[in-house]
């Protein structure tokens, strides 16, 4: 019966707590981001003295801990001292809520206001402002560059008395394109989240793996490969994906250990985790991508004019948003330039060497 000793029995699992590998899971300790969390807390601190907080723009590559660090600070605020009772923390993911109406609807839900049926945007705004002005508010808008309109931001800056507004984006350059009326009122401090080094990457993945799996099931060589790939990609989320998929691959084989073979199986699936194929883009975005390919290296204004000449119907702001989405998807490169005869502008280049995650 020795052949069965390394096989999982019916009902057995390698996962002690699979939730620990979720991207939005907030662990009790957030290692290597203590300084960043302190900066976030300092922007919120004036609210404890019933003064206006300081606004903050957090930026950095995907998977470097921006969201989890922010959520951790909000969690401490919710569970914290008695003096924080008058402070309302609200987190919104703007990828999922990308208009003023959707954002206001979500905030109403978080505030426990249910009478939203048939209400217009300005009516929802009045409810939110009135409720938040009873105390102070920390408003976190993650993936802020995915927003289609910034009316809500302008009104919050104007009408909410005591608040700290925190915006999270992968791209520092996003703020350059922000409407002047919003930018002049926002005046955010800037906080960069730099990529984790190899030792930090290993430490974070070890923490998550220890929480997710039973002791001794993850082979050292498998873990080392996952750490190496994650560091190369500089995206902790990729490492969490690899840990989970390697565990699933091991269970599919009824193995009691997660081996190098199971990790390699997970890596083969990695390209499906993040990078979309260009065939999945909507038609209008495909058209713009093709124009960029044909006119790589030109200014965004010049490409927009070519787009118009070819019968494109989008206005400039909508065109900019399409360009931004292509940039987010790693289809194109955007280089910001300052000064010169034409002032500030963006140079758009087609990404000839876009790599799938499995290329690393």
Protein backbone atom coordinates (compact mmCIF):
# COMPACT_ATOMS: atom_id res chain seq x y z
CA UNK A 1 0.00 0.00 0.00
CA UNK A 2 3.10 2.28 -0.05
CA UNK A 3 1.98 3.73 -3.39
CA UNK A 4 -0.92 5.51 -1.64
CA UNK A 5 0.97 7.03 1.30
CA UNK A 6 1.69 10.32 -0.55
CA UNK A 7 -1.83 10.68 -1.91
CA UNK A 8 -4.52 12.92 -0.41
CA UNK A 9 -7.44 11.04 1.04
CA UNK A 10 -11.09 11.87 0.39
CA UNK A 11 -11.98 15.17 2.06
CA UNK A 12 -8.30 16.08 2.71
CA UNK A 13 -6.89 19.43 1.53
CA UNK A 14 -3.58 21.27 1.43
CA UNK A 15 -5.26 24.61 2.16
CA UNK A 16 -5.59 25.68 5.78
CA UNK A 17 -6.96 29.15 4.90
CA UNK A 18 -7.23 29.77 1.12
CA UNK A 19 -8.59 33.29 1.75
CA UNK A 20 -5.03 34.32 2.70
CA UNK A 21 -4.16 34.12 -1.02
CA UNK A 22 -6.97 36.45 -2.14
CA UNK A 23 -5.77 39.75 -3.61
CA UNK A 24 -8.03 41.83 -1.35
CA UNK A 25 -7.18 39.92 1.86
CA UNK A 26 -5.81 42.22 4.56
CA UNK A 27 -3.35 40.36 6.85
CA UNK A 28 -2.92 41.36 10.49
CA UNK A 29 0.59 42.59 9.74
CA UNK A 30 1.66 44.48 6.61
CA UNK A 31 5.44 43.99 6.44
CA UNK A 32 7.82 46.43 4.74
CA UNK A 33 5.19 49.19 4.40
CA UNK A 34 5.39 50.70 7.89
CA UNK A 35 6.74 54.06 6.64
CA UNK A 36 4.06 54.35 3.97
CA UNK A 37 1.30 53.55 6.46
CA UNK A 38 2.70 56.19 8.80
CA UNK A 39 2.48 58.76 5.98
CA UNK A 40 -1.13 57.80 5.29
CA UNK A 41 -1.98 58.03 9.00
CA UNK A 42 -0.36 61.47 9.22
CA UNK A 43 -2.66 62.77 6.48
CA UNK A 44 -5.67 61.49 8.44
CA UNK A 45 -4.40 62.69 11.84
CA UNK A 46 -5.77 66.30 11.68
CA UNK A 47 -9.30 64.84 11.64
CA UNK A 48 -8.78 63.72 15.25
CA UNK A 49 -8.49 67.41 16.18
CA UNK A 50 -11.61 68.17 14.10
CA UNK A 51 -9.50 69.91 11.47
CA UNK A 52 -9.36 69.25 7.74
CA UNK A 53 -7.11 66.36 6.76
CA UNK A 54 -4.43 66.40 4.07
CA UNK A 55 -5.16 64.92 0.66
CA UNK A 56 -2.85 62.24 -0.69
CA UNK A 57 -2.04 60.70 -4.09
CA UNK A 58 -0.58 57.20 -3.74
CA UNK A 59 1.14 55.80 -6.83
CA UNK A 60 3.27 52.85 -7.84
CA UNK A 61 3.23 49.72 -9.99
CA UNK A 62 0.47 47.13 -9.58
CA UNK A 63 1.01 44.61 -6.81
CA UNK A 64 3.31 46.68 -4.58
CA UNK A 65 0.96 46.97 -1.59
CA UNK A 66 -0.82 50.29 -2.21
CA UNK A 67 -4.34 48.98 -1.66
CA UNK A 68 -3.58 46.57 1.17
CA UNK A 69 -1.62 49.21 3.14
CA UNK A 70 -4.45 51.70 2.75
CA UNK A 71 -7.09 49.17 3.77
CA UNK A 72 -5.01 48.26 6.80
CA UNK A 73 -4.95 51.89 7.96
CA UNK A 74 -8.73 52.15 7.44
CA UNK A 75 -9.24 48.94 9.41
CA UNK A 76 -7.23 50.33 12.31
CA UNK A 77 -9.29 53.51 12.11
CA UNK A 78 -12.54 51.52 12.31
CA UNK A 79 -11.32 49.41 15.22
CA UNK A 80 -9.32 52.16 16.88
CA UNK A 81 -9.63 54.71 19.61
CA UNK A 82 -12.78 56.35 20.91
CA UNK A 83 -11.77 59.68 19.34
CA UNK A 84 -12.09 58.04 15.89
CA UNK A 85 -15.81 57.42 16.34
CA UNK A 86 -16.74 60.60 14.46
CA UNK A 87 -14.50 59.68 11.50
CA UNK A 88 -16.19 57.71 8.70
CA UNK A 89 -13.74 55.66 6.56
CA UNK A 90 -14.95 54.80 3.04
CA UNK A 91 -13.11 52.76 0.39
CA UNK A 92 -14.28 52.73 -3.24
CA UNK A 93 -12.78 50.77 -6.15
CA UNK A 94 -13.22 53.01 -9.19
CA UNK A 95 -12.68 50.16 -11.64
CA UNK A 96 -16.02 48.81 -10.45
CA UNK A 97 -17.64 52.22 -9.80
CA UNK A 98 -16.45 54.45 -12.64
CA UNK A 99 -19.01 57.30 -12.66
CA UNK A 100 -20.12 59.90 -10.12
CA UNK A 101 -23.56 58.28 -9.93
CA UNK A 102 -22.17 54.79 -9.23
CA UNK A 103 -19.74 56.14 -6.63
CA UNK A 104 -22.45 58.08 -4.81
CA UNK A 105 -24.73 55.03 -4.89
CA UNK A 106 -21.97 52.91 -3.34
CA UNK A 107 -21.26 55.50 -0.63
CA UNK A 108 -24.98 55.69 0.22
CA UNK A 109 -24.96 51.91 0.63
CA UNK A 110 -21.90 52.06 2.92
CA UNK A 111 -23.58 54.80 4.97
CA UNK A 112 -26.68 52.64 5.36
CA UNK A 113 -28.91 54.91 3.27
CA UNK A 114 -31.26 52.70 1.26
CA UNK A 115 -33.77 55.17 -0.24
CA UNK A 116 -31.80 55.58 -3.48
CA UNK A 117 -34.40 54.31 -5.96
CA UNK A 118 -35.13 56.84 -8.75
CA UNK A 119 -32.85 59.45 -7.16
CA UNK A 120 -30.67 61.56 -9.44
CA UNK A 121 -26.96 62.18 -9.00
CA UNK A 122 -27.38 65.60 -7.35
CA UNK A 123 -29.94 64.14 -4.90
CA UNK A 124 -27.55 61.35 -3.91
CA UNK A 125 -24.76 63.93 -3.55
CA UNK A 126 -26.89 65.98 -1.14
CA UNK A 127 -27.52 62.88 1.01
CA UNK A 128 -23.83 61.93 1.12
CA UNK A 129 -22.62 65.47 1.89
CA UNK A 130 -25.20 66.00 4.63
CA UNK A 131 -24.37 62.66 6.29
CA UNK A 132 -20.57 63.03 6.12
CA UNK A 133 -20.68 66.61 7.38
CA UNK A 134 -22.05 65.35 10.68
CA UNK A 135 -18.49 64.30 11.44
CA UNK A 136 -15.27 63.75 9.47
CA UNK A 137 -14.52 61.41 6.58
CA UNK A 138 -11.61 59.50 5.05
CA UNK A 139 -12.46 58.85 1.40
CA UNK A 140 -10.22 56.41 -0.48
CA UNK A 141 -10.67 56.10 -4.23
CA UNK A 142 -8.64 53.19 -5.61
CA UNK A 143 -7.88 52.90 -9.36
CA UNK A 144 -8.89 56.57 -9.64
CA UNK A 145 -7.58 56.73 -13.22
CA UNK A 146 -10.46 54.42 -14.30
CA UNK A 147 -13.05 57.15 -13.58
CA UNK A 148 -15.10 58.51 -16.50
CA UNK A 149 -16.02 61.79 -14.75
CA UNK A 150 -14.66 63.68 -11.76
CA UNK A 151 -17.73 65.71 -10.77
CA UNK A 152 -18.04 63.83 -7.46
CA UNK A 153 -14.44 64.74 -6.57
CA UNK A 154 -14.98 68.44 -7.24
CA UNK A 155 -18.13 68.50 -5.09
CA UNK A 156 -16.51 66.55 -2.25
CA UNK A 157 -13.59 68.97 -2.19
CA UNK A 158 -15.98 71.92 -2.16
CA UNK A 159 -18.78 70.71 0.12
CA UNK A 160 -17.39 68.26 2.69
CA UNK A 161 -15.93 70.28 5.55
CA UNK A 162 -13.54 67.88 7.28
CA UNK A 163 -12.11 65.15 5.10
CA UNK A 164 -8.98 63.38 3.94
CA UNK A 165 -9.18 62.29 0.30
CA UNK A 166 -6.78 59.53 -0.74
CA UNK A 167 -6.41 58.65 -4.42
CA UNK A 168 -4.61 55.48 -5.55
CA UNK A 169 -3.25 55.00 -9.06
CA UNK A 170 -0.57 53.01 -10.87
CA UNK A 171 0.52 56.13 -12.74
CA UNK A 172 1.79 59.34 -11.19
CA UNK A 173 1.29 61.11 -14.55
CA UNK A 174 -2.48 60.74 -14.18
CA UNK A 175 -2.67 63.87 -12.03
CA UNK A 176 -1.24 65.98 -14.88
CA UNK A 177 -4.37 65.34 -16.95
CA UNK A 178 -6.69 66.21 -14.05
CA UNK A 179 -9.13 69.08 -14.56
CA UNK A 180 -7.61 72.34 -13.24
CA UNK A 181 -10.65 73.13 -11.08
CA UNK A 182 -10.19 69.80 -9.29
CA UNK A 183 -6.39 69.91 -9.20
CA UNK A 184 -6.29 73.37 -7.61
CA UNK A 185 -8.60 72.24 -4.80
CA UNK A 186 -7.05 68.80 -4.29
CA UNK A 187 -3.37 69.84 -3.91
CA UNK A 188 -2.37 66.32 -2.79
CA UNK A 189 0.79 65.17 -1.12
CA UNK A 190 2.54 62.48 -3.17
CA UNK A 191 3.47 59.03 -1.85
CA UNK A 192 5.29 56.49 -4.01
CA UNK A 193 5.15 52.78 -3.27
CA UNK A 194 8.36 51.34 -4.70
CA UNK A 195 8.63 47.68 -5.79
CA UNK A 196 9.61 45.13 -3.14
CA UNK A 197 13.18 43.81 -3.24
CA UNK A 198 13.86 40.06 -3.40
CA UNK A 199 14.10 39.61 0.37
CA UNK A 200 10.86 41.52 0.95
CA UNK A 201 9.08 39.57 -1.79
CA UNK A 202 10.14 36.32 -0.15
CA UNK A 203 9.02 37.53 3.28
CA UNK A 204 5.55 38.53 2.08
CA UNK A 205 4.96 35.30 0.18
CA UNK A 206 6.23 33.26 3.16
CA UNK A 207 3.73 35.04 5.42
CA UNK A 208 0.85 34.34 3.06
CA UNK A 209 1.93 30.74 2.36
CA UNK A 210 2.20 29.98 6.10
CA UNK A 211 -1.34 31.32 6.57
CA UNK A 212 -2.78 29.56 3.51
CA UNK A 213 -1.26 26.05 3.66
CA UNK A 214 -0.81 23.40 6.31
CA UNK A 215 2.73 23.11 7.64
CA UNK A 216 5.18 21.21 5.46
CA UNK A 217 3.07 20.90 2.30
CA UNK A 218 4.96 23.53 0.24
CA UNK A 219 8.26 22.20 -1.10
CA UNK A 220 11.21 24.60 -0.64
CA UNK A 221 12.25 24.42 -4.30
CA UNK A 222 8.68 25.19 -5.39
CA UNK A 223 8.55 28.19 -3.07
CA UNK A 224 11.91 29.48 -4.31
CA UNK A 225 10.72 29.36 -7.94
CA UNK A 226 7.51 31.21 -7.05
CA UNK A 227 9.54 33.85 -5.20
CA UNK A 228 11.89 34.27 -8.15
CA UNK A 229 9.06 34.67 -10.68
CA UNK A 230 7.19 37.10 -8.43
CA UNK A 231 10.28 39.26 -7.97
CA UNK A 232 10.92 39.32 -11.72
CA UNK A 233 7.34 40.49 -12.31
CA UNK A 234 7.48 42.88 -9.33
CA UNK A 235 3.84 42.09 -8.60
CA UNK A 236 2.90 40.32 -5.36
CA UNK A 237 -0.51 39.45 -6.79
CA UNK A 238 1.22 37.22 -9.34
CA UNK A 239 2.93 35.38 -6.49
CA UNK A 240 -0.38 34.86 -4.69
CA UNK A 241 -1.83 33.51 -7.94
CA UNK A 242 1.09 31.10 -8.33
CA UNK A 243 0.77 29.85 -4.74
CA UNK A 244 -2.93 29.21 -5.16
CA UNK A 245 -2.67 27.56 -8.58
CA UNK A 246 0.29 25.42 -7.52
CA UNK A 247 -1.80 24.23 -4.56
CA UNK A 248 -4.73 23.48 -6.86
CA UNK A 249 -2.44 21.60 -9.25
CA UNK A 250 -1.14 19.48 -6.37
CA UNK A 251 -4.65 18.68 -5.17
CA UNK A 252 -5.69 17.77 -8.74
CA UNK A 253 -2.95 15.13 -8.62
CA UNK A 254 -4.00 14.09 -5.08
CA UNK A 255 -0.50 15.01 -3.90
CA UNK A 256 0.26 15.75 -0.26
CA UNK A 257 3.10 18.09 -1.28
CA UNK A 258 3.26 21.10 -3.61
CA UNK A 259 6.24 20.30 -5.82
CA UNK A 260 8.31 22.02 -8.50
CA UNK A 261 6.16 20.27 -11.12
CA UNK A 262 2.96 21.79 -9.69
CA UNK A 263 4.57 25.25 -9.64
CA UNK A 264 5.56 24.93 -13.30
CA UNK A 265 1.95 24.03 -14.13
CA UNK A 266 0.84 27.23 -12.37
CA UNK A 267 3.37 29.32 -14.29
CA UNK A 268 2.01 28.00 -17.60
CA UNK A 269 -1.37 29.51 -16.68
CA UNK A 270 0.10 32.85 -15.61
CA UNK A 271 -0.47 34.72 -18.88
CA UNK A 272 -4.23 34.19 -18.47
CA UNK A 273 -4.07 35.86 -15.06
CA UNK A 274 -3.29 39.38 -16.21
CA UNK A 275 -2.63 40.28 -19.82
CA UNK A 276 -5.65 40.51 -22.11
CA UNK A 277 -5.33 39.71 -25.79
CA UNK A 278 -5.89 42.59 -28.21
CA UNK A 279 -8.75 40.60 -29.74
CA UNK A 280 -10.67 41.17 -26.49
CA UNK A 281 -10.64 44.95 -26.92
CA UNK A 282 -13.78 46.74 -28.04
CA UNK A 283 -13.86 47.87 -31.69
CA UNK A 284 -13.26 51.59 -31.06
CA UNK A 285 -10.27 50.85 -28.84
CA UNK A 286 -8.88 48.44 -31.48
CA UNK A 287 -9.15 51.25 -34.06
CA UNK A 288 -7.18 53.62 -31.82
CA UNK A 289 -4.56 50.94 -31.11
CA UNK A 290 -4.08 50.42 -34.85
CA UNK A 291 -3.68 54.20 -35.33
CA UNK A 292 -1.01 54.28 -32.62
CA UNK A 293 0.75 51.35 -34.30
CA UNK A 294 0.79 53.26 -37.60
CA UNK A 295 1.86 56.55 -35.98
CA UNK A 296 4.06 55.39 -33.12
CA UNK A 297 6.15 58.18 -31.59
CA UNK A 298 3.75 61.01 -32.38
CA UNK A 299 2.07 63.40 -29.95
CA UNK A 300 -1.34 62.45 -28.62
CA UNK A 301 -2.86 65.58 -30.21
CA UNK A 302 -1.52 64.61 -33.64
CA UNK A 303 -2.89 61.07 -33.33
CA UNK A 304 -6.25 62.48 -32.22
CA UNK A 305 -6.34 64.69 -35.34
CA UNK A 306 -5.61 61.65 -37.56
CA UNK A 307 -8.38 59.80 -35.70
CA UNK A 308 -10.82 62.66 -36.44
CA UNK A 309 -9.76 62.84 -40.10
CA UNK A 310 -10.58 59.14 -40.43
CA UNK A 311 -14.10 59.74 -39.10
CA UNK A 312 -13.60 59.08 -35.38
CA UNK A 313 -16.54 60.32 -33.30
CA UNK A 314 -15.00 60.55 -29.82
CA UNK A 315 -14.27 63.93 -28.23
CA UNK A 316 -10.71 64.55 -27.04
CA UNK A 317 -11.36 63.67 -23.36
CA UNK A 318 -12.93 60.32 -24.32
CA UNK A 319 -10.05 59.68 -26.73
CA UNK A 320 -7.61 60.33 -23.87
CA UNK A 321 -9.41 57.79 -21.71
CA UNK A 322 -9.12 55.15 -24.45
CA UNK A 323 -5.39 55.91 -24.71
CA UNK A 324 -5.09 55.55 -20.94
CA UNK A 325 -6.83 52.16 -20.99
CA UNK A 326 -4.45 50.94 -23.70
CA UNK A 327 -1.56 52.12 -21.56
CA UNK A 328 -3.00 50.31 -18.52
CA UNK A 329 -3.25 47.13 -20.61
CA UNK A 330 0.41 47.41 -21.63
CA UNK A 331 -0.46 47.79 -25.33
CA UNK A 332 1.21 51.19 -25.70
CA UNK A 333 3.80 53.40 -24.01
CA UNK A 334 3.08 56.97 -22.91
CA UNK A 335 5.91 59.43 -22.27
CA UNK A 336 5.06 62.81 -20.72
CA UNK A 337 7.08 65.81 -21.95
CA UNK A 338 7.20 69.26 -20.41
CA UNK A 339 7.93 72.64 -21.92
CA UNK A 340 9.11 73.27 -25.46
CA UNK A 341 7.27 75.20 -28.16
CA UNK A 342 4.13 73.10 -27.78
CA UNK A 343 4.08 73.00 -23.97
CA UNK A 344 3.28 69.84 -22.00
CA UNK A 345 2.21 66.88 -24.10
CA UNK A 346 2.30 63.07 -24.32
CA UNK A 347 4.27 61.00 -26.82
CA UNK A 348 2.46 57.76 -27.70
CA UNK A 349 4.39 54.68 -28.81
CA UNK A 350 3.18 51.25 -29.84
CA UNK A 351 4.56 48.56 -27.50
CA UNK A 352 6.29 46.25 -29.94
CA UNK A 353 7.89 44.23 -27.17
CA UNK A 354 4.94 43.75 -24.85
CA UNK A 355 5.63 40.55 -22.93
CA UNK A 356 3.23 38.01 -21.60
CA UNK A 357 3.86 37.13 -17.98
CA UNK A 358 5.12 33.70 -19.05
CA UNK A 359 7.93 35.33 -21.05
CA UNK A 360 9.79 36.23 -17.88
